[in-house]
Amino acid sequence: MALSTSMAALSVGSFSATKLVLPSSSARCGLTSSFIPSRVVSSLSSSHFAGVALRPTTFGLPMVKRGVSLVVRAGSPCLGCTKRSRSRKSIARVSGFRARISSPTGRNVLKRRRAKGRKNLVPKSNPKSGKYA
């Protein structure tokens, strides 16, 4: 790297930082930043960074590039998962009337369904067929 200023790259873990040692006779450009002291920024010139490409940092998060596929960690199925055979009790535990009435967002759902005129406010807790129909 051939610059009029001397640059030293520091890396700590996954962070990378650049330490600038600037001469005091540089032109002022009037930029301010919370990351670089104002006396260093005031001595910066655009000619100092001509041809220099800075590497993007992710601030501690590892950058994973695996093509176009999405990598998902293993875990329990989502609450609204419909492709598994679950008991009526477990479905009602998540989206039944008591689950709706016990949270502010669930009460808003019930309020909207009442305003719309739904005959059955919570279909997941009212079985259409079977033992309790």
N, C-alpha and C. Protein backbone atom coordinates (compact mmCIF):
# COMPACT_ATOMS: atom_id res chain seq x y z
N MET A 1 0.84 -1.17 0.00
CA MET A 1 0.00 0.00 0.00
C MET A 1 0.89 1.23 0.00
N ALA A 2 0.76 2.04 -1.01
CA ALA A 2 1.59 3.24 -1.08
C ALA A 2 0.71 4.45 -0.84
N LEU A 3 0.81 5.01 0.34
CA LEU A 3 0.04 6.19 0.71
C LEU A 3 0.98 7.25 1.22
N SER A 4 0.51 8.49 1.19
CA SER A 4 1.33 9.56 1.76
C SER A 4 1.37 9.48 3.28
N THR A 5 0.41 8.76 3.85
CA THR A 5 0.41 8.55 5.30
C THR A 5 0.77 7.10 5.56
N SER A 6 1.22 6.81 6.73
CA SER A 6 1.53 5.41 7.06
C SER A 6 0.34 4.79 7.77
N MET A 7 -0.07 3.59 7.33
CA MET A 7 -1.24 2.91 7.88
C MET A 7 -0.79 1.57 8.45
N ALA A 8 -1.30 1.23 9.62
CA ALA A 8 -1.02 -0.06 10.24
C ALA A 8 -2.35 -0.73 10.56
N ALA A 9 -2.54 -1.98 10.12
CA ALA A 9 -3.80 -2.68 10.35
C ALA A 9 -3.69 -3.50 11.63
N LEU A 10 -4.70 -3.39 12.47
CA LEU A 10 -4.77 -4.14 13.71
C LEU A 10 -5.96 -5.07 13.63
N SER A 11 -5.83 -6.28 14.16
CA SER A 11 -7.00 -7.15 14.22
C SER A 11 -7.08 -7.75 15.60
N VAL A 12 -8.30 -7.67 16.19
CA VAL A 12 -8.55 -8.20 17.52
C VAL A 12 -9.73 -9.14 17.40
N GLY A 13 -9.50 -10.45 17.51
CA GLY A 13 -10.58 -11.42 17.34
C GLY A 13 -11.10 -11.34 15.92
N SER A 14 -12.38 -11.01 15.77
CA SER A 14 -12.96 -10.87 14.44
C SER A 14 -13.08 -9.42 14.04
N PHE A 15 -12.64 -8.50 14.90
CA PHE A 15 -12.68 -7.09 14.57
C PHE A 15 -11.44 -6.73 13.78
N SER A 16 -11.56 -5.81 12.89
CA SER A 16 -10.38 -5.28 12.23
C SER A 16 -10.47 -3.77 12.27
N ALA A 17 -9.39 -3.14 12.60
CA ALA A 17 -9.36 -1.70 12.71
C ALA A 17 -8.13 -1.19 11.97
N THR A 18 -8.14 0.05 11.61
CA THR A 18 -7.02 0.65 10.92
C THR A 18 -6.54 1.84 11.71
N LYS A 19 -5.26 1.85 11.98
CA LYS A 19 -4.66 2.94 12.74
C LYS A 19 -4.00 3.88 11.75
N LEU A 20 -4.40 5.13 11.77
CA LEU A 20 -3.85 6.11 10.84
C LEU A 20 -2.83 6.98 11.55
N VAL A 21 -1.67 7.13 10.92
CA VAL A 21 -0.67 8.06 11.42
C VAL A 21 -0.53 9.11 10.34
N LEU A 22 -1.11 10.28 10.58
CA LEU A 22 -1.21 11.32 9.57
C LEU A 22 -0.22 12.43 9.84
N PRO A 23 0.33 13.01 8.78
CA PRO A 23 1.18 14.18 8.98
C PRO A 23 0.33 15.38 9.39
N SER A 24 0.92 16.30 10.11
CA SER A 24 0.15 17.43 10.62
C SER A 24 -0.11 18.49 9.56
N SER A 25 0.53 18.40 8.40
CA SER A 25 0.35 19.42 7.37
C SER A 25 -0.63 18.98 6.29
N SER A 26 -1.65 18.21 6.64
CA SER A 26 -2.64 17.75 5.67
C SER A 26 -3.72 18.80 5.48
N ALA A 27 -4.44 18.68 4.37
CA ALA A 27 -5.53 19.61 4.09
C ALA A 27 -6.74 19.24 4.93
N ARG A 28 -7.51 20.25 5.35
CA ARG A 28 -8.71 20.01 6.15
C ARG A 28 -9.89 19.77 5.22
N CYS A 29 -10.76 18.80 5.58
CA CYS A 29 -11.93 18.54 4.74
C CYS A 29 -13.23 18.72 5.50
N GLY A 30 -13.22 18.94 6.81
CA GLY A 30 -14.42 19.27 7.56
C GLY A 30 -15.32 18.10 7.90
N LEU A 31 -14.82 16.86 7.88
CA LEU A 31 -15.63 15.69 8.23
C LEU A 31 -15.55 15.43 9.72
N THR A 32 -16.65 14.94 10.29
CA THR A 32 -16.63 14.55 11.70
C THR A 32 -17.13 13.13 11.82
N SER A 33 -16.63 12.41 12.80
CA SER A 33 -17.04 11.03 13.03
C SER A 33 -16.92 10.72 14.50
N SER A 34 -17.78 9.82 14.99
CA SER A 34 -17.70 9.43 16.39
C SER A 34 -16.66 8.34 16.61
N PHE A 35 -16.15 7.74 15.52
CA PHE A 35 -15.19 6.66 15.63
C PHE A 35 -13.75 7.16 15.60
N ILE A 36 -13.51 8.26 14.92
CA ILE A 36 -12.16 8.81 14.78
C ILE A 36 -12.15 10.16 15.48
N PRO A 37 -11.12 10.48 16.25
CA PRO A 37 -11.07 11.79 16.90
C PRO A 37 -11.12 12.92 15.89
N SER A 38 -11.72 14.04 16.29
CA SER A 38 -11.94 15.13 15.34
C SER A 38 -10.64 15.73 14.84
N ARG A 39 -9.56 15.70 15.64
CA ARG A 39 -8.30 16.27 15.16
C ARG A 39 -7.70 15.40 14.06
N VAL A 40 -7.95 14.07 14.11
CA VAL A 40 -7.46 13.20 13.05
C VAL A 40 -8.31 13.38 11.80
N VAL A 41 -9.64 13.49 11.98
CA VAL A 41 -10.53 13.65 10.84
C VAL A 41 -10.30 14.98 10.15
N SER A 42 -10.02 16.01 10.93
CA SER A 42 -9.84 17.32 10.33
C SER A 42 -8.60 17.37 9.46
N SER A 43 -7.65 16.46 9.68
CA SER A 43 -6.44 16.47 8.87
C SER A 43 -6.52 15.50 7.70
N LEU A 44 -7.66 14.85 7.49
CA LEU A 44 -7.81 13.91 6.39
C LEU A 44 -8.03 14.64 5.07
N SER A 45 -7.59 14.02 4.02
CA SER A 45 -7.83 14.54 2.69
C SER A 45 -8.28 13.37 1.83
N SER A 46 -9.02 13.65 0.77
CA SER A 46 -9.49 12.57 -0.08
C SER A 46 -8.33 11.92 -0.83
N SER A 47 -7.22 12.64 -1.02
CA SER A 47 -6.08 12.06 -1.72
C SER A 47 -5.40 10.97 -0.89
N HIS A 48 -5.60 10.99 0.43
CA HIS A 48 -4.99 9.97 1.27
C HIS A 48 -5.62 8.61 1.05
N PHE A 49 -6.90 8.55 0.68
CA PHE A 49 -7.61 7.29 0.54
C PHE A 49 -7.80 6.89 -0.92
N ALA A 50 -7.13 7.51 -1.84
CA ALA A 50 -7.29 7.17 -3.26
C ALA A 50 -6.77 5.76 -3.50
N GLY A 51 -7.62 4.88 -4.00
CA GLY A 51 -7.22 3.52 -4.32
C GLY A 51 -7.22 2.57 -3.15
N VAL A 52 -7.66 2.99 -1.98
CA VAL A 52 -7.67 2.13 -0.80
C VAL A 52 -9.08 1.58 -0.62
N ALA A 53 -9.22 0.27 -0.56
CA ALA A 53 -10.53 -0.36 -0.32
C ALA A 53 -10.52 -0.93 1.09
N LEU A 54 -11.45 -0.49 1.92
CA LEU A 54 -11.54 -0.99 3.28
C LEU A 54 -12.41 -2.22 3.33
N ARG A 55 -12.01 -3.21 4.11
CA ARG A 55 -12.74 -4.46 4.22
C ARG A 55 -13.94 -4.27 5.14
N PRO A 56 -15.15 -4.75 4.76
CA PRO A 56 -16.31 -4.61 5.65
C PRO A 56 -16.16 -5.49 6.88
N THR A 57 -16.58 -4.98 8.02
CA THR A 57 -16.52 -5.76 9.25
C THR A 57 -17.94 -6.07 9.70
N THR A 58 -18.09 -7.16 10.45
CA THR A 58 -19.41 -7.55 10.93
C THR A 58 -19.54 -7.40 12.43
N PHE A 59 -18.57 -6.77 13.10
CA PHE A 59 -18.61 -6.48 14.52
C PHE A 59 -18.87 -7.72 15.36
N GLY A 60 -18.07 -8.77 15.17
CA GLY A 60 -18.15 -9.94 16.02
C GLY A 60 -19.00 -11.07 15.48
N LEU A 61 -19.79 -10.81 14.44
CA LEU A 61 -20.64 -11.85 13.88
C LEU A 61 -19.90 -12.52 12.73
N PRO A 62 -19.83 -13.84 12.70
CA PRO A 62 -19.11 -14.50 11.61
C PRO A 62 -19.89 -14.38 10.31
N MET A 63 -19.16 -14.10 9.24
CA MET A 63 -19.80 -13.99 7.93
C MET A 63 -19.81 -15.38 7.31
N VAL A 64 -20.99 -15.92 7.02
CA VAL A 64 -21.13 -17.24 6.44
C VAL A 64 -21.73 -17.10 5.06
N LYS A 65 -20.99 -17.56 4.07
CA LYS A 65 -21.50 -17.52 2.70
C LYS A 65 -21.64 -18.96 2.23
N ARG A 66 -22.86 -19.39 2.01
CA ARG A 66 -23.11 -20.76 1.59
C ARG A 66 -23.99 -20.79 0.35
N GLY A 67 -23.72 -19.97 -0.61
CA GLY A 67 -24.51 -19.96 -1.82
C GLY A 67 -25.85 -19.29 -1.61
N VAL A 68 -26.88 -19.82 -2.26
CA VAL A 68 -28.19 -19.20 -2.17
C VAL A 68 -29.10 -19.88 -1.17
N SER A 69 -28.65 -21.01 -0.60
CA SER A 69 -29.52 -21.72 0.34
C SER A 69 -29.46 -21.07 1.71
N LEU A 70 -30.52 -21.20 2.45
CA LEU A 70 -30.63 -20.65 3.79
C LEU A 70 -30.31 -21.73 4.80
N VAL A 71 -29.41 -21.42 5.73
CA VAL A 71 -29.03 -22.38 6.74
C VAL A 71 -29.80 -22.07 8.01
N VAL A 72 -30.59 -23.03 8.49
CA VAL A 72 -31.43 -22.85 9.67
C VAL A 72 -30.96 -23.82 10.73
N ARG A 73 -30.83 -23.33 11.97
CA ARG A 73 -30.40 -24.21 13.05
C ARG A 73 -31.52 -25.16 13.43
N ALA A 74 -31.16 -26.30 13.97
CA ALA A 74 -32.16 -27.28 14.38
C ALA A 74 -32.87 -26.80 15.63
N GLY A 75 -34.14 -27.08 15.74
CA GLY A 75 -34.89 -26.66 16.91
C GLY A 75 -36.30 -27.21 16.86
N SER A 76 -37.12 -26.74 17.76
CA SER A 76 -38.50 -27.22 17.81
C SER A 76 -39.29 -26.61 16.66
N PRO A 77 -40.37 -27.26 16.22
CA PRO A 77 -41.18 -26.69 15.15
C PRO A 77 -41.86 -25.41 15.59
N CYS A 78 -42.16 -24.56 14.63
CA CYS A 78 -42.77 -23.28 14.95
C CYS A 78 -44.19 -23.49 15.48
N LEU A 79 -44.72 -22.44 16.12
CA LEU A 79 -46.02 -22.57 16.77
C LEU A 79 -47.15 -22.77 15.78
N GLY A 80 -47.04 -22.17 14.61
CA GLY A 80 -48.11 -22.29 13.63
C GLY A 80 -47.88 -23.40 12.63
N CYS A 81 -47.03 -24.36 12.97
CA CYS A 81 -46.69 -25.43 12.05
C CYS A 81 -47.92 -26.33 11.83
N THR A 82 -48.32 -26.53 10.57
CA THR A 82 -49.55 -27.26 10.28
C THR A 82 -49.29 -28.64 9.70
N LYS A 83 -48.05 -28.99 9.43
CA LYS A 83 -47.76 -30.26 8.76
C LYS A 83 -47.35 -31.36 9.72
N ARG A 84 -47.68 -31.23 10.99
CA ARG A 84 -47.39 -32.28 11.96
C ARG A 84 -48.68 -32.68 12.66
N SER A 85 -48.78 -33.95 13.04
CA SER A 85 -49.98 -34.36 13.76
C SER A 85 -49.80 -33.99 15.22
N ARG A 86 -50.56 -33.03 15.64
CA ARG A 86 -50.52 -32.59 17.03
C ARG A 86 -51.89 -32.81 17.64
N SER A 87 -51.91 -33.01 18.93
CA SER A 87 -53.18 -33.25 19.59
C SER A 87 -53.99 -31.95 19.65
N ARG A 88 -55.28 -32.11 19.79
CA ARG A 88 -56.16 -30.94 19.86
C ARG A 88 -55.84 -30.09 21.09
N LYS A 89 -55.42 -30.77 22.15
CA LYS A 89 -55.08 -30.04 23.38
C LYS A 89 -53.85 -29.15 23.18
N SER A 90 -52.84 -29.65 22.49
CA SER A 90 -51.64 -28.84 22.29
C SER A 90 -51.90 -27.69 21.33
N ILE A 91 -52.78 -27.90 20.36
CA ILE A 91 -53.13 -26.81 19.44
C ILE A 91 -53.92 -25.74 20.18
N ALA A 92 -54.86 -26.17 21.04
CA ALA A 92 -55.65 -25.21 21.81
C ALA A 92 -54.79 -24.47 22.82
N ARG A 93 -53.72 -25.10 23.29
CA ARG A 93 -52.83 -24.43 24.24
C ARG A 93 -52.13 -23.25 23.59
N VAL A 94 -51.87 -23.34 22.29
CA VAL A 94 -51.18 -22.27 21.58
C VAL A 94 -52.15 -21.24 21.03
N SER A 95 -53.23 -21.70 20.41
CA SER A 95 -54.11 -20.75 19.72
C SER A 95 -55.57 -20.92 20.11
N GLY A 96 -55.84 -21.35 21.32
CA GLY A 96 -57.21 -21.46 21.80
C GLY A 96 -57.68 -20.18 22.45
N PHE A 97 -58.89 -20.22 23.00
CA PHE A 97 -59.49 -19.02 23.58
C PHE A 97 -58.71 -18.53 24.79
N ARG A 98 -58.32 -19.42 25.67
CA ARG A 98 -57.58 -19.00 26.87
C ARG A 98 -56.22 -18.40 26.52
N ALA A 99 -55.58 -18.94 25.50
CA ALA A 99 -54.31 -18.37 25.06
C ALA A 99 -54.52 -16.98 24.46
N ARG A 100 -55.63 -16.80 23.75
CA ARG A 100 -55.92 -15.49 23.15
C ARG A 100 -56.26 -14.45 24.22
N ILE A 101 -57.07 -14.84 25.19
CA ILE A 101 -57.55 -13.87 26.17
C ILE A 101 -56.46 -13.49 27.18
N SER A 102 -55.42 -14.30 27.29
CA SER A 102 -54.41 -14.05 28.32
C SER A 102 -53.30 -13.10 27.88
N SER A 103 -53.28 -12.68 26.61
CA SER A 103 -52.24 -11.75 26.18
C SER A 103 -52.89 -10.55 25.48
N PRO A 104 -52.24 -9.40 25.52
CA PRO A 104 -52.81 -8.21 24.88
C PRO A 104 -53.01 -8.37 23.38
N THR A 105 -52.07 -9.01 22.70
CA THR A 105 -52.23 -9.20 21.25
C THR A 105 -53.35 -10.18 20.95
N GLY A 106 -53.51 -11.21 21.80
CA GLY A 106 -54.60 -12.15 21.62
C GLY A 106 -55.95 -11.50 21.82
N ARG A 107 -56.04 -10.60 22.81
CA ARG A 107 -57.30 -9.86 23.01
C ARG A 107 -57.60 -8.97 21.81
N ASN A 108 -56.57 -8.42 21.19
CA ASN A 108 -56.80 -7.63 19.97
C ASN A 108 -57.31 -8.50 18.83
N VAL A 109 -56.82 -9.73 18.74
CA VAL A 109 -57.31 -10.67 17.72
C VAL A 109 -58.79 -10.94 17.95
N LEU A 110 -59.17 -11.21 19.20
CA LEU A 110 -60.58 -11.48 19.51
C LEU A 110 -61.45 -10.26 19.21
N LYS A 111 -60.94 -9.08 19.52
CA LYS A 111 -61.69 -7.84 19.26
C LYS A 111 -61.93 -7.65 17.76
N ARG A 112 -60.91 -7.93 16.96
CA ARG A 112 -61.07 -7.80 15.50
C ARG A 112 -62.04 -8.83 14.96
N ARG A 113 -62.00 -10.05 15.48
CA ARG A 113 -62.90 -11.09 14.99
C ARG A 113 -64.35 -10.81 15.40
N ARG A 114 -64.55 -10.24 16.60
CA ARG A 114 -65.90 -9.83 17.01
C ARG A 114 -66.41 -8.72 16.11
N ALA A 115 -65.56 -7.73 15.83
CA ALA A 115 -65.97 -6.61 14.99
C ALA A 115 -66.30 -7.06 13.57
N LYS A 116 -65.64 -8.09 13.11
CA LYS A 116 -65.91 -8.61 11.77
C LYS A 116 -67.17 -9.45 11.74
N GLY A 117 -67.63 -9.89 12.92
CA GLY A 117 -68.85 -10.68 12.98
C GLY A 117 -68.63 -12.17 12.84
N ARG A 118 -67.49 -12.65 13.24
CA ARG A 118 -67.21 -14.09 13.14
C ARG A 118 -68.14 -14.87 14.06
N LYS A 119 -68.71 -15.94 13.53
CA LYS A 119 -69.59 -16.78 14.32
C LYS A 119 -68.78 -17.55 15.36
N ASN A 120 -67.62 -18.03 14.94
CA ASN A 120 -66.74 -18.79 15.82
C ASN A 120 -65.47 -17.96 16.05
N LEU A 121 -65.33 -17.40 17.25
CA LEU A 121 -64.20 -16.51 17.52
C LEU A 121 -62.86 -17.23 17.46
N VAL A 122 -62.80 -18.41 18.05
CA VAL A 122 -61.54 -19.14 18.11
C VAL A 122 -61.78 -20.56 17.61
N PRO A 123 -61.56 -20.83 16.33
CA PRO A 123 -61.86 -22.15 15.79
C PRO A 123 -60.97 -23.26 16.33
N LYS A 124 -59.79 -22.92 16.81
CA LYS A 124 -58.88 -23.96 17.28
C LYS A 124 -59.31 -24.56 18.62
N SER A 125 -60.17 -23.88 19.36
CA SER A 125 -60.61 -24.47 20.63
C SER A 125 -62.02 -25.03 20.53
N ASN A 126 -62.63 -24.97 19.36
CA ASN A 126 -63.97 -25.51 19.15
C ASN A 126 -63.91 -26.61 18.09
N PRO A 127 -63.90 -27.87 18.48
CA PRO A 127 -63.79 -28.95 17.50
C PRO A 127 -65.07 -29.09 16.67
N LYS A 128 -64.88 -29.34 15.38
CA LYS A 128 -66.02 -29.51 14.47
C LYS A 128 -66.50 -30.95 14.45
N SER A 129 -65.59 -31.88 14.71
CA SER A 129 -65.98 -33.29 14.70
C SER A 129 -65.23 -34.02 15.79
N GLY A 130 -65.66 -35.21 16.10
CA GLY A 130 -64.98 -36.00 17.10
C GLY A 130 -65.77 -36.11 18.39
N LYS A 131 -65.09 -36.41 19.46
CA LYS A 131 -65.71 -36.71 20.74
C LYS A 131 -66.45 -35.51 21.33
N TYR A 132 -65.88 -34.31 21.17
CA TYR A 132 -66.46 -33.13 21.81
C TYR A 132 -67.27 -32.25 20.87
N ALA A 133 -67.66 -32.76 19.71
CA ALA A 133 -68.40 -31.95 18.74
C ALA A 133 -69.84 -31.77 19.15
